[in-house]
């Protein structure tokens, strides 16, 4: 039995880019638009035996490479449907693994949720989502800055230096814990400052999940992750602010990565 794999919903508009992708999630079927009133569903046909919800859940637990490969295709189709130019039309990205049994099921969803879809489209039309991630490149630099500005820590270290070596040894763990707590606090305050500054240019913003090294593919740990929704006219100012913040963070052993535009995953509601 065949079904339809849903990538996204978008406004039917002359500004919407044509779909040039010839293959969908299964690497075989063509991607096409299924119109309904002012919107269209971007879909491709799939075998429900291979891409049904139960099968995808099974693959997610057993074959992460398969999931990663298919997730990349899913994202690339959405990005093509979105285009890289002006977002004068609205697009709602769907979660990976959204599959319908037949056309009528999608039409039923359109009919029951059409007003909600239009409200989301109206809210994100003409706007872009951008991502900002921060990585800890050199923890030693951050610790040095913390030590230089932490009076209680200075006093502890001075007191420890005046003690006999054997006794001082027992204070090292306490000092180490104090340093770790101070670094965590300094990092948290720094990220709050960054988030608030970037949010000033946006219509919406959200702190998102910090990703592991396995997911980022980077050696240094991620310490902050966030997403911002802004009008297209604000993008250049946002990128400029992000670069200024990055230059400051570099002096503190951190680095900022700004990327976009992305499909508005974080601002479309449930």
Foldseek 3Di string as FASTA:
>chain_A
DKWKDFFKKWFPDPPFDDQPDQAALVRHWGWDWDDDVGMTTTITMDDCVCQPQVNVVVCVVPPVVSVVSSVVRSQVRQCNRCDDDFQQIFMAGDDPRDIDHYPVVVVVVCVVCVVLVVVLRVVQRQKFKKKKWKWQQDVVLQLVVLCVPPVVLVVLVVVLVPDPPVVSVVCVVVSVVVSVVSSVVVVVVLVVVVQVVLQVQAPDKDWDDFDACVVVVDDTGIDTMMMGMHRPVSVVVSVVSQVVSQVVVVSNRMGMDMDDRGRPNPRSDD
